[in-house]
């Protein structure tokens, strides 16, 4: 930084000395004030042009530095987001959920304790809003397995679960606590 500043001052001093020398030589040779003034004006115009070129070069360097700083900021933001994502992934549960294809055709009607809804007729058509209150039931098999190192609570909302290890509190949804590294046969009901 100091070297560049010193070099800049040396160039400025050389230009000033050259300017004074040219104007002095013009004054001695021409002995006319108008020629001397003309030489001084042309020299001043050349110096101003040189200064504007130097200013443009400095502005360009500053703009390039600003672009580099912006790129550095983007990279650091991406690194922070990636680090936070990894932290959340490490702290979050690791559940494996698998749901197989539903039994077809679906079933119709409300499901009561000990009853099975009737199978839907093949060509039956639903018309909305008239058929909106009718219940359609899909039966699927699947499992939820905790593959993480923390206990996870799983709530199954709006579903009838046919697993004797899951119990629903009166008026509630089936809930299970999945201990670490469980298999589907290890499901235990949670306390209401």
N, C-alpha and C. Protein backbone atom coordinates (compact mmCIF):
# COMPACT_ATOMS: atom_id res chain seq x y z
N UNK A 1 0.83 -1.19 0.00
CA UNK A 1 0.00 0.00 0.00
C UNK A 1 0.87 1.25 0.00
N UNK A 2 1.90 1.26 0.88
CA UNK A 2 2.78 2.43 0.94
C UNK A 2 3.60 2.56 -0.33
N UNK A 3 4.04 1.43 -0.89
CA UNK A 3 4.81 1.47 -2.12
C UNK A 3 4.00 2.06 -3.26
N UNK A 4 2.75 1.64 -3.36
CA UNK A 4 1.87 2.15 -4.42
C UNK A 4 1.63 3.64 -4.23
N UNK A 5 1.44 4.07 -2.98
CA UNK A 5 1.23 5.49 -2.72
C UNK A 5 2.49 6.30 -3.06
N UNK A 6 3.66 5.79 -2.70
CA UNK A 6 4.92 6.46 -3.03
C UNK A 6 5.14 6.55 -4.52
N UNK A 7 4.81 5.48 -5.25
CA UNK A 7 4.94 5.47 -6.69
C UNK A 7 3.99 6.49 -7.32
N UNK A 8 2.79 6.60 -6.77
CA UNK A 8 1.81 7.56 -7.26
C UNK A 8 2.33 9.00 -7.08
N UNK A 9 2.91 9.28 -5.91
CA UNK A 9 3.45 10.63 -5.68
C UNK A 9 4.65 10.91 -6.59
N UNK A 10 5.48 9.92 -6.86
CA UNK A 10 6.63 10.10 -7.76
C UNK A 10 6.15 10.42 -9.17
N UNK A 11 5.11 9.72 -9.64
CA UNK A 11 4.57 10.00 -10.97
C UNK A 11 3.97 11.41 -11.01
N UNK A 12 3.24 11.76 -9.94
CA UNK A 12 2.63 13.10 -9.87
C UNK A 12 3.70 14.19 -9.90
N UNK A 13 4.81 14.00 -9.16
CA UNK A 13 5.91 14.98 -9.13
C UNK A 13 6.57 15.08 -10.50
N UNK A 14 6.76 13.94 -11.17
CA UNK A 14 7.37 13.95 -12.50
C UNK A 14 6.49 14.68 -13.50
N UNK A 15 5.16 14.48 -13.41
CA UNK A 15 4.24 15.16 -14.31
C UNK A 15 4.26 16.66 -14.04
N UNK A 16 4.30 17.05 -12.75
CA UNK A 16 4.32 18.48 -12.40
C UNK A 16 5.61 19.13 -12.92
N UNK A 17 6.75 18.47 -12.73
CA UNK A 17 8.03 19.01 -13.21
C UNK A 17 8.02 19.11 -14.72
N UNK A 18 7.50 18.09 -15.42
CA UNK A 18 7.44 18.11 -16.88
C UNK A 18 6.53 19.23 -17.35
N UNK A 19 5.39 19.42 -16.65
CA UNK A 19 4.46 20.49 -17.01
C UNK A 19 5.12 21.87 -16.88
N UNK A 20 5.80 22.09 -15.75
CA UNK A 20 6.48 23.37 -15.53
C UNK A 20 7.58 23.58 -16.58
N UNK A 21 8.31 22.52 -16.89
CA UNK A 21 9.40 22.63 -17.87
C UNK A 21 8.85 22.95 -19.25
N UNK A 22 7.77 22.31 -19.67
CA UNK A 22 7.19 22.56 -20.99
C UNK A 22 6.67 23.99 -21.08
N UNK A 23 5.98 24.45 -20.04
CA UNK A 23 5.46 25.82 -20.05
C UNK A 23 6.61 26.82 -20.06
N UNK A 24 7.66 26.58 -19.30
CA UNK A 24 8.82 27.49 -19.26
C UNK A 24 9.52 27.54 -20.60
N UNK A 25 9.73 26.37 -21.23
CA UNK A 25 10.38 26.33 -22.55
C UNK A 25 9.52 27.07 -23.56
N UNK A 26 8.19 26.89 -23.52
CA UNK A 26 7.29 27.59 -24.45
C UNK A 26 7.36 29.10 -24.24
N UNK A 27 7.46 29.52 -22.99
CA UNK A 27 7.53 30.96 -22.70
C UNK A 27 8.85 31.55 -23.20
N UNK A 28 9.95 30.83 -23.02
CA UNK A 28 11.26 31.32 -23.44
C UNK A 28 11.34 31.37 -24.95
N UNK A 29 10.86 30.33 -25.61
CA UNK A 29 10.99 30.26 -27.07
C UNK A 29 10.04 31.25 -27.74
N UNK A 30 8.81 31.29 -27.34
CA UNK A 30 7.84 32.12 -28.06
C UNK A 30 7.85 33.57 -27.61
N UNK A 31 8.16 33.85 -26.42
CA UNK A 31 8.13 35.19 -25.84
C UNK A 31 6.76 35.84 -26.07
N UNK A 32 5.76 35.00 -26.17
CA UNK A 32 4.41 35.50 -26.38
C UNK A 32 3.52 34.88 -25.30
N UNK A 33 2.77 35.75 -24.62
CA UNK A 33 1.92 35.27 -23.53
C UNK A 33 0.82 34.34 -24.03
N UNK A 34 0.27 34.60 -25.20
CA UNK A 34 -0.82 33.76 -25.71
C UNK A 34 -0.33 32.35 -26.00
N UNK A 35 0.83 32.19 -26.57
CA UNK A 35 1.36 30.85 -26.85
C UNK A 35 1.65 30.14 -25.54
N UNK A 36 2.22 30.88 -24.59
CA UNK A 36 2.51 30.28 -23.29
C UNK A 36 1.22 29.83 -22.62
N UNK A 37 0.17 30.66 -22.67
CA UNK A 37 -1.12 30.30 -22.07
C UNK A 37 -1.73 29.10 -22.78
N UNK A 38 -1.58 29.04 -24.11
CA UNK A 38 -2.10 27.91 -24.88
C UNK A 38 -1.38 26.62 -24.50
N UNK A 39 -0.08 26.68 -24.39
CA UNK A 39 0.70 25.49 -23.98
C UNK A 39 0.30 25.06 -22.58
N UNK A 40 0.12 26.04 -21.67
CA UNK A 40 -0.28 25.72 -20.30
C UNK A 40 -1.67 25.09 -20.28
N UNK A 41 -2.60 25.58 -21.10
CA UNK A 41 -3.97 25.04 -21.15
C UNK A 41 -3.97 23.63 -21.70
N UNK A 42 -3.19 23.40 -22.78
CA UNK A 42 -3.11 22.04 -23.35
C UNK A 42 -2.49 21.09 -22.34
N UNK A 43 -1.43 21.55 -21.66
CA UNK A 43 -0.79 20.70 -20.64
C UNK A 43 -1.75 20.39 -19.50
N UNK A 44 -2.52 21.42 -19.07
CA UNK A 44 -3.49 21.19 -17.98
C UNK A 44 -4.57 20.21 -18.43
N UNK A 45 -5.02 20.32 -19.68
CA UNK A 45 -6.04 19.40 -20.21
C UNK A 45 -5.50 17.97 -20.24
N UNK A 46 -4.24 17.81 -20.64
CA UNK A 46 -3.64 16.47 -20.65
C UNK A 46 -3.54 15.89 -19.24
N UNK A 47 -3.19 16.75 -18.29
CA UNK A 47 -3.09 16.27 -16.89
C UNK A 47 -4.47 15.88 -16.36
N UNK A 48 -5.50 16.67 -16.67
CA UNK A 48 -6.87 16.33 -16.22
C UNK A 48 -7.32 15.02 -16.86
N UNK A 49 -7.00 14.82 -18.14
CA UNK A 49 -7.36 13.56 -18.81
C UNK A 49 -6.66 12.38 -18.15
N UNK A 50 -5.38 12.57 -17.82
CA UNK A 50 -4.63 11.51 -17.15
C UNK A 50 -5.25 11.21 -15.78
N UNK A 51 -5.64 12.25 -15.04
CA UNK A 51 -6.26 12.05 -13.72
C UNK A 51 -7.59 11.30 -13.85
N UNK A 52 -8.37 11.63 -14.87
CA UNK A 52 -9.65 10.93 -15.02
C UNK A 52 -9.42 9.46 -15.37
N UNK A 53 -8.39 9.15 -16.16
CA UNK A 53 -8.06 7.75 -16.44
C UNK A 53 -7.65 7.02 -15.16
N UNK A 54 -6.85 7.68 -14.34
CA UNK A 54 -6.44 7.07 -13.06
C UNK A 54 -7.64 6.87 -12.14
N UNK A 55 -8.56 7.84 -12.11
CA UNK A 55 -9.77 7.72 -11.29
C UNK A 55 -10.63 6.55 -11.78
N UNK A 56 -10.77 6.41 -13.09
CA UNK A 56 -11.55 5.30 -13.65
C UNK A 56 -10.91 3.96 -13.30
N UNK A 57 -9.58 3.90 -13.35
CA UNK A 57 -8.87 2.67 -12.99
C UNK A 57 -9.10 2.34 -11.52
N UNK A 58 -9.04 3.36 -10.66
CA UNK A 58 -9.27 3.14 -9.21
C UNK A 58 -10.71 2.70 -8.95
N UNK A 59 -11.67 3.32 -9.66
CA UNK A 59 -13.07 2.93 -9.49
C UNK A 59 -13.29 1.49 -9.94
N UNK A 60 -12.65 1.11 -11.03
CA UNK A 60 -12.76 -0.26 -11.52
C UNK A 60 -12.19 -1.26 -10.52
N UNK A 61 -11.05 -0.90 -9.93
CA UNK A 61 -10.45 -1.78 -8.92
C UNK A 61 -11.35 -1.88 -7.69
N UNK A 62 -11.96 -0.76 -7.29
CA UNK A 62 -12.88 -0.78 -6.14
C UNK A 62 -14.11 -1.64 -6.45
N UNK A 63 -14.62 -1.53 -7.67
CA UNK A 63 -15.78 -2.33 -8.06
C UNK A 63 -15.45 -3.82 -8.06
N UNK A 64 -14.26 -4.15 -8.53
CA UNK A 64 -13.83 -5.55 -8.52
C UNK A 64 -13.68 -6.07 -7.09
N UNK A 65 -13.16 -5.22 -6.21
CA UNK A 65 -13.05 -5.59 -4.80
C UNK A 65 -14.42 -5.79 -4.17
N UNK A 66 -15.37 -4.95 -4.55
CA UNK A 66 -16.73 -5.09 -4.04
C UNK A 66 -17.37 -6.38 -4.53
N UNK A 67 -17.13 -6.72 -5.79
CA UNK A 67 -17.64 -8.00 -6.31
C UNK A 67 -17.04 -9.18 -5.56
N UNK A 68 -15.75 -9.10 -5.29
CA UNK A 68 -15.10 -10.17 -4.53
C UNK A 68 -15.68 -10.28 -3.13
N UNK A 69 -15.95 -9.15 -2.48
CA UNK A 69 -16.55 -9.17 -1.15
C UNK A 69 -17.95 -9.76 -1.19
N UNK A 70 -18.73 -9.42 -2.23
CA UNK A 70 -20.08 -9.97 -2.35
C UNK A 70 -20.03 -11.48 -2.57
N UNK A 71 -19.09 -11.94 -3.39
CA UNK A 71 -18.93 -13.39 -3.60
C UNK A 71 -18.55 -14.08 -2.30
N UNK A 72 -17.65 -13.46 -1.57
CA UNK A 72 -17.23 -14.03 -0.28
C UNK A 72 -18.40 -14.10 0.69
N UNK A 73 -19.25 -13.07 0.69
CA UNK A 73 -20.43 -13.06 1.55
C UNK A 73 -21.38 -14.19 1.16
N UNK A 74 -21.61 -14.38 -0.14
CA UNK A 74 -22.49 -15.46 -0.57
C UNK A 74 -21.95 -16.83 -0.16
N UNK A 75 -20.66 -17.01 -0.30
CA UNK A 75 -20.06 -18.29 0.09
C UNK A 75 -20.20 -18.52 1.59
N UNK A 76 -19.94 -17.49 2.38
CA UNK A 76 -20.04 -17.65 3.83
C UNK A 76 -21.49 -17.89 4.25
N UNK A 77 -22.46 -17.25 3.59
CA UNK A 77 -23.87 -17.51 3.90
C UNK A 77 -24.23 -18.95 3.56
N UNK A 78 -23.75 -19.45 2.43
CA UNK A 78 -24.02 -20.83 2.05
C UNK A 78 -23.41 -21.80 3.06
N UNK A 79 -22.22 -21.49 3.54
CA UNK A 79 -21.58 -22.35 4.54
C UNK A 79 -22.36 -22.34 5.85
N UNK A 80 -22.85 -21.19 6.25
CA UNK A 80 -23.65 -21.10 7.49
C UNK A 80 -24.93 -21.90 7.34
N UNK A 81 -25.59 -21.78 6.19
CA UNK A 81 -26.84 -22.53 5.96
C UNK A 81 -26.56 -24.03 5.97
N UNK A 82 -25.48 -24.44 5.34
CA UNK A 82 -25.13 -25.87 5.31
C UNK A 82 -24.82 -26.38 6.72
N UNK A 83 -24.08 -25.59 7.51
CA UNK A 83 -23.76 -26.01 8.88
C UNK A 83 -25.03 -26.11 9.72
N UNK A 84 -25.94 -25.16 9.58
CA UNK A 84 -27.20 -25.21 10.34
C UNK A 84 -28.04 -26.40 9.91
N UNK A 85 -28.06 -26.66 8.60
CA UNK A 85 -28.81 -27.82 8.10
C UNK A 85 -28.25 -29.12 8.67
N UNK A 86 -26.94 -29.25 8.71
CA UNK A 86 -26.33 -30.46 9.28
C UNK A 86 -26.62 -30.58 10.77
N UNK A 87 -26.60 -29.44 11.47
CA UNK A 87 -26.90 -29.46 12.91
C UNK A 87 -28.33 -29.92 13.14
N UNK A 88 -29.28 -29.39 12.34
CA UNK A 88 -30.67 -29.78 12.49
C UNK A 88 -30.87 -31.24 12.10
N UNK A 89 -30.20 -31.70 11.05
CA UNK A 89 -30.30 -33.11 10.67
C UNK A 89 -29.79 -34.02 11.78
N UNK A 90 -28.71 -33.63 12.44
CA UNK A 90 -28.16 -34.45 13.51
C UNK A 90 -29.09 -34.47 14.72
N UNK A 91 -29.78 -33.36 14.98
CA UNK A 91 -30.65 -33.28 16.15
C UNK A 91 -32.04 -33.84 15.87
N UNK A 92 -32.44 -33.95 14.62
CA UNK A 92 -33.80 -34.35 14.28
C UNK A 92 -33.99 -35.86 14.31
N UNK A 93 -35.26 -36.28 14.33
CA UNK A 93 -35.54 -37.72 14.33
C UNK A 93 -35.25 -38.33 12.97
N UNK A 94 -34.98 -39.62 12.98
CA UNK A 94 -34.76 -40.36 11.74
C UNK A 94 -35.81 -41.47 11.68
N UNK A 95 -36.91 -41.16 11.02
CA UNK A 95 -38.00 -42.13 10.92
C UNK A 95 -38.05 -42.68 9.50
N UNK A 96 -38.28 -43.97 9.41
CA UNK A 96 -38.52 -44.61 8.13
C UNK A 96 -40.00 -44.93 8.09
N UNK A 97 -40.73 -44.33 7.14
CA UNK A 97 -42.17 -44.55 7.02
C UNK A 97 -42.42 -45.20 5.67
N UNK A 98 -43.13 -46.30 5.70
CA UNK A 98 -43.44 -46.98 4.44
C UNK A 98 -44.93 -47.30 4.43
N UNK A 99 -45.60 -46.90 3.37
CA UNK A 99 -47.02 -47.19 3.19
C UNK A 99 -47.15 -47.91 1.85
N UNK A 100 -47.71 -49.11 1.89
CA UNK A 100 -47.90 -49.89 0.66
C UNK A 100 -49.11 -49.40 -0.11
N UNK A 101 -49.32 -49.96 -1.27
CA UNK A 101 -50.47 -49.57 -2.10
C UNK A 101 -51.77 -49.91 -1.36
N UNK A 102 -52.79 -49.06 -1.49
CA UNK A 102 -54.05 -49.32 -0.78
C UNK A 102 -54.80 -50.52 -1.37
N UNK A 103 -55.60 -51.14 -0.51
CA UNK A 103 -56.48 -52.22 -0.94
C UNK A 103 -57.52 -51.61 -1.87
N UNK A 104 -57.84 -52.32 -2.96
CA UNK A 104 -58.79 -51.78 -3.91
C UNK A 104 -59.88 -52.80 -4.17
N UNK A 105 -61.09 -52.48 -4.25
CA UNK A 105 -61.70 -51.15 -4.22
C UNK A 105 -61.83 -50.64 -2.79
N UNK A 106 -61.98 -49.33 -2.62
CA UNK A 106 -62.14 -48.78 -1.28
C UNK A 106 -63.46 -49.22 -0.66
N UNK A 107 -63.65 -48.89 0.58
CA UNK A 107 -64.86 -49.26 1.30
C UNK A 107 -65.67 -48.02 1.58
N UNK A 108 -67.00 -48.21 1.73
CA UNK A 108 -67.91 -47.09 1.96
C UNK A 108 -68.62 -47.24 3.30
N UNK A 109 -68.95 -46.11 3.90
CA UNK A 109 -69.75 -46.10 5.13
C UNK A 109 -68.89 -45.87 6.34
N UNK A 110 -69.56 -45.58 7.44
CA UNK A 110 -68.85 -45.35 8.70
C UNK A 110 -68.37 -46.67 9.27
N UNK A 111 -67.30 -46.61 9.98
CA UNK A 111 -66.74 -47.80 10.59
C UNK A 111 -67.03 -47.73 12.09
N UNK A 112 -67.69 -48.74 12.59
CA UNK A 112 -68.00 -48.80 14.01
C UNK A 112 -67.22 -49.96 14.61
N UNK A 113 -67.13 -50.00 15.90
CA UNK A 113 -66.41 -51.10 16.57
C UNK A 113 -66.98 -52.44 16.13
N UNK A 114 -66.14 -53.30 15.66
CA UNK A 114 -66.54 -54.64 15.27
C UNK A 114 -67.25 -54.71 13.93
N UNK A 115 -67.30 -53.64 13.17
CA UNK A 115 -67.98 -53.67 11.88
C UNK A 115 -67.00 -53.34 10.77
N UNK A 116 -67.34 -53.78 9.59
CA UNK A 116 -66.54 -53.48 8.41
C UNK A 116 -67.40 -52.71 7.44
N UNK A 117 -66.90 -51.61 6.88
CA UNK A 117 -67.67 -50.92 5.85
C UNK A 117 -67.77 -51.78 4.59
N UNK A 118 -68.81 -51.56 3.84
CA UNK A 118 -69.03 -52.33 2.61
C UNK A 118 -68.08 -51.85 1.51
N UNK A 119 -67.73 -52.77 0.60
CA UNK A 119 -66.87 -52.39 -0.51
C UNK A 119 -67.63 -51.49 -1.48
N UNK A 120 -66.93 -50.54 -2.03
CA UNK A 120 -67.50 -49.60 -2.98
C UNK A 120 -67.83 -50.34 -4.27
N UNK A 121 -69.00 -50.05 -4.83
CA UNK A 121 -69.39 -50.67 -6.09
C UNK A 121 -68.50 -50.13 -7.21
N UNK A 122 -68.17 -50.94 -8.18
CA UNK A 122 -67.20 -50.60 -9.21
C UNK A 122 -67.52 -49.30 -9.95
N UNK A 123 -68.71 -49.07 -10.36
CA UNK A 123 -69.03 -47.90 -11.19
C UNK A 123 -69.79 -46.82 -10.42
N UNK A 124 -69.69 -46.83 -9.12
CA UNK A 124 -70.40 -45.83 -8.33
C UNK A 124 -69.75 -44.46 -8.53
N UNK A 125 -70.58 -43.41 -8.67
CA UNK A 125 -70.10 -42.07 -8.94
C UNK A 125 -70.42 -41.18 -7.74
N UNK A 126 -69.45 -40.35 -7.37
CA UNK A 126 -69.66 -39.38 -6.29
C UNK A 126 -69.97 -38.03 -6.92
N UNK A 127 -70.95 -37.37 -6.38
CA UNK A 127 -71.31 -36.03 -6.84
C UNK A 127 -71.20 -35.09 -5.65
N UNK A 128 -70.42 -34.02 -5.85
CA UNK A 128 -70.27 -33.03 -4.78
C UNK A 128 -71.18 -31.85 -5.08
N UNK A 129 -71.78 -31.26 -4.14
CA UNK A 129 -71.62 -31.38 -2.69
C UNK A 129 -72.53 -32.44 -2.06
N UNK A 130 -73.41 -33.06 -2.83
CA UNK A 130 -74.38 -34.02 -2.26
C UNK A 130 -73.68 -35.16 -1.52
N UNK A 131 -72.61 -35.74 -2.06
CA UNK A 131 -71.97 -36.91 -1.46
C UNK A 131 -70.83 -36.56 -0.51
N UNK A 132 -70.65 -35.31 -0.19
CA UNK A 132 -69.54 -34.90 0.69
C UNK A 132 -69.57 -35.58 2.05
N UNK A 133 -70.71 -35.79 2.70
CA UNK A 133 -70.69 -36.43 4.03
C UNK A 133 -70.44 -37.94 4.00
N UNK A 134 -70.44 -38.56 2.84
CA UNK A 134 -70.20 -40.01 2.77
C UNK A 134 -68.74 -40.30 3.08
N UNK A 135 -68.48 -41.36 3.78
CA UNK A 135 -67.13 -41.74 4.17
C UNK A 135 -66.58 -42.80 3.22
N UNK A 136 -65.36 -42.57 2.76
CA UNK A 136 -64.63 -43.53 1.94
C UNK A 136 -63.44 -43.98 2.76
N UNK A 137 -63.28 -45.29 2.87
CA UNK A 137 -62.19 -45.83 3.69
C UNK A 137 -61.20 -46.56 2.79
N UNK A 138 -59.93 -46.23 2.93
CA UNK A 138 -58.86 -46.94 2.24
C UNK A 138 -58.08 -47.74 3.27
N UNK A 139 -57.80 -48.97 2.95
CA UNK A 139 -57.02 -49.81 3.86
C UNK A 139 -55.63 -50.00 3.26
N UNK A 140 -54.61 -49.68 4.06
CA UNK A 140 -53.23 -49.84 3.61
C UNK A 140 -52.42 -50.50 4.70
N UNK A 141 -51.38 -51.18 4.30
CA UNK A 141 -50.41 -51.73 5.24
C UNK A 141 -49.16 -50.88 5.16
N UNK A 142 -48.46 -50.80 6.25
CA UNK A 142 -47.21 -50.04 6.25
C UNK A 142 -46.56 -50.13 7.61
N UNK A 143 -45.48 -49.39 7.79
CA UNK A 143 -44.81 -49.36 9.08
C UNK A 143 -44.08 -48.04 9.27
N UNK A 144 -43.78 -47.76 10.54
CA UNK A 144 -42.97 -46.61 10.92
C UNK A 144 -41.85 -47.17 11.78
N UNK A 145 -40.61 -46.89 11.40
CA UNK A 145 -39.48 -47.41 12.17
C UNK A 145 -38.56 -46.25 12.54
N UNK A 146 -38.18 -46.21 13.81
CA UNK A 146 -37.25 -45.20 14.30
C UNK A 146 -35.84 -45.72 14.07
N UNK A 147 -35.07 -45.03 13.22
CA UNK A 147 -33.70 -45.42 12.97
C UNK A 147 -32.71 -44.46 13.60
N UNK A 148 -33.21 -43.56 14.42
CA UNK A 148 -32.35 -42.58 15.08
C UNK A 148 -31.95 -43.05 16.47
N UNK A 149 -31.27 -42.17 17.18
CA UNK A 149 -30.80 -42.51 18.52
C UNK A 149 -31.63 -41.82 19.61
N UNK A 150 -32.82 -41.34 19.26
CA UNK A 150 -33.69 -40.67 20.22
C UNK A 150 -35.07 -41.28 20.16
N UNK A 151 -35.80 -41.20 21.27
CA UNK A 151 -37.17 -41.65 21.30
C UNK A 151 -38.04 -40.63 20.58
N UNK A 152 -38.98 -41.12 19.76
CA UNK A 152 -39.84 -40.25 18.96
C UNK A 152 -41.29 -40.60 19.25
N UNK A 153 -42.15 -39.59 19.40
CA UNK A 153 -43.59 -39.81 19.58
C UNK A 153 -44.25 -39.63 18.22
N UNK A 154 -45.09 -40.59 17.85
CA UNK A 154 -45.78 -40.56 16.57
C UNK A 154 -47.28 -40.55 16.84
N UNK A 155 -47.98 -39.55 16.31
CA UNK A 155 -49.44 -39.47 16.40
C UNK A 155 -50.01 -39.76 15.02
N UNK A 156 -51.02 -40.62 14.97
CA UNK A 156 -51.67 -40.97 13.71
C UNK A 156 -53.06 -40.35 13.76
N UNK A 157 -53.25 -39.24 13.06
CA UNK A 157 -54.52 -38.50 13.11
C UNK A 157 -55.46 -38.96 12.00
N UNK A 158 -56.73 -39.11 12.36
CA UNK A 158 -57.76 -39.41 11.37
C UNK A 158 -57.66 -40.80 10.78
N UNK A 159 -57.01 -41.73 11.49
CA UNK A 159 -56.84 -43.08 10.97
C UNK A 159 -57.23 -44.09 12.03
N UNK A 160 -57.76 -45.20 11.58
CA UNK A 160 -58.00 -46.33 12.47
C UNK A 160 -56.79 -47.24 12.31
N UNK A 161 -56.12 -47.51 13.41
CA UNK A 161 -54.91 -48.32 13.37
C UNK A 161 -55.22 -49.67 13.96
N UNK A 162 -54.98 -50.73 13.18
CA UNK A 162 -55.25 -52.09 13.64
C UNK A 162 -53.96 -52.71 14.16
N UNK A 163 -53.43 -52.16 15.21
CA UNK A 163 -52.23 -52.68 15.86
C UNK A 163 -52.54 -52.75 17.34
N UNK A 164 -52.53 -53.95 17.89
CA UNK A 164 -52.93 -54.11 19.29
C UNK A 164 -51.98 -53.43 20.26
N UNK A 165 -50.77 -53.08 19.80
CA UNK A 165 -49.83 -52.42 20.71
C UNK A 165 -50.10 -50.92 20.82
N UNK A 166 -50.96 -50.38 19.97
CA UNK A 166 -51.30 -48.96 20.04
C UNK A 166 -52.67 -48.81 20.68
N UNK A 167 -52.76 -47.92 21.62
CA UNK A 167 -54.04 -47.66 22.26
C UNK A 167 -54.33 -46.18 22.18
N UNK A 168 -55.58 -45.86 21.94
CA UNK A 168 -55.98 -44.47 21.88
C UNK A 168 -56.68 -44.11 23.18
N UNK A 169 -56.37 -42.95 23.75
CA UNK A 169 -57.12 -42.50 24.92
C UNK A 169 -58.56 -42.23 24.50
N UNK A 170 -59.51 -42.24 25.44
CA UNK A 170 -60.91 -42.00 25.07
C UNK A 170 -61.04 -40.69 24.29
N UNK A 171 -61.61 -40.78 23.07
CA UNK A 171 -61.80 -39.61 22.23
C UNK A 171 -60.53 -39.11 21.58
N UNK A 172 -59.42 -39.84 21.70
CA UNK A 172 -58.14 -39.38 21.15
C UNK A 172 -57.67 -40.21 19.99
N UNK A 173 -56.50 -39.87 19.50
CA UNK A 173 -55.89 -40.55 18.37
C UNK A 173 -54.87 -41.57 18.88
N UNK A 174 -54.62 -42.63 18.10
CA UNK A 174 -53.59 -43.59 18.51
C UNK A 174 -52.22 -42.89 18.58
N UNK A 175 -51.47 -43.22 19.63
CA UNK A 175 -50.16 -42.62 19.84
C UNK A 175 -49.19 -43.71 20.26
N UNK A 176 -47.97 -43.62 19.77
CA UNK A 176 -46.94 -44.57 20.19
C UNK A 176 -45.66 -43.82 20.41
N UNK A 177 -44.87 -44.29 21.39
CA UNK A 177 -43.50 -43.79 21.55
C UNK A 177 -42.60 -44.82 20.90
N UNK A 178 -41.76 -44.37 20.00
CA UNK A 178 -40.84 -45.28 19.35
C UNK A 178 -39.48 -45.13 20.01
N UNK A 179 -39.06 -46.13 20.81
CA UNK A 179 -37.73 -46.03 21.41
C UNK A 179 -36.66 -46.12 20.34
N UNK A 180 -35.43 -45.89 20.73
CA UNK A 180 -34.32 -45.94 19.77
C UNK A 180 -34.25 -47.26 19.04
N UNK A 181 -33.96 -47.20 17.74
CA UNK A 181 -33.72 -48.38 16.90
C UNK A 181 -34.77 -49.46 17.12
N UNK A 182 -36.04 -49.13 16.91
CA UNK A 182 -37.11 -50.10 17.12
C UNK A 182 -37.51 -50.76 15.82
N UNK A 183 -38.14 -51.89 15.94
CA UNK A 183 -38.75 -52.53 14.78
C UNK A 183 -40.26 -52.43 14.98
N UNK A 184 -41.06 -52.66 13.95
CA UNK A 184 -42.49 -52.54 14.10
C UNK A 184 -43.07 -53.44 15.19
N UNK A 185 -42.44 -54.59 15.44
CA UNK A 185 -42.96 -55.49 16.47
C UNK A 185 -42.63 -54.99 17.87
N UNK A 186 -41.80 -53.97 18.01
CA UNK A 186 -41.43 -53.45 19.32
C UNK A 186 -42.25 -52.23 19.73
N UNK A 187 -43.29 -51.88 19.00
CA UNK A 187 -44.08 -50.69 19.33
C UNK A 187 -44.73 -50.87 20.70
N UNK A 188 -44.68 -49.83 21.49
CA UNK A 188 -45.32 -49.83 22.81
C UNK A 188 -46.24 -48.63 22.89
N UNK A 189 -47.41 -48.80 23.51
CA UNK A 189 -48.32 -47.64 23.62
C UNK A 189 -47.75 -46.62 24.60
N UNK A 190 -48.06 -45.34 24.32
CA UNK A 190 -47.61 -44.28 25.22
C UNK A 190 -48.69 -44.02 26.25
N UNK A 191 -48.28 -43.43 27.33
CA UNK A 191 -49.25 -43.08 28.39
C UNK A 191 -50.09 -41.91 27.92
N UNK A 192 -51.42 -41.96 28.20
CA UNK A 192 -52.28 -40.84 27.75
C UNK A 192 -51.98 -39.56 28.47
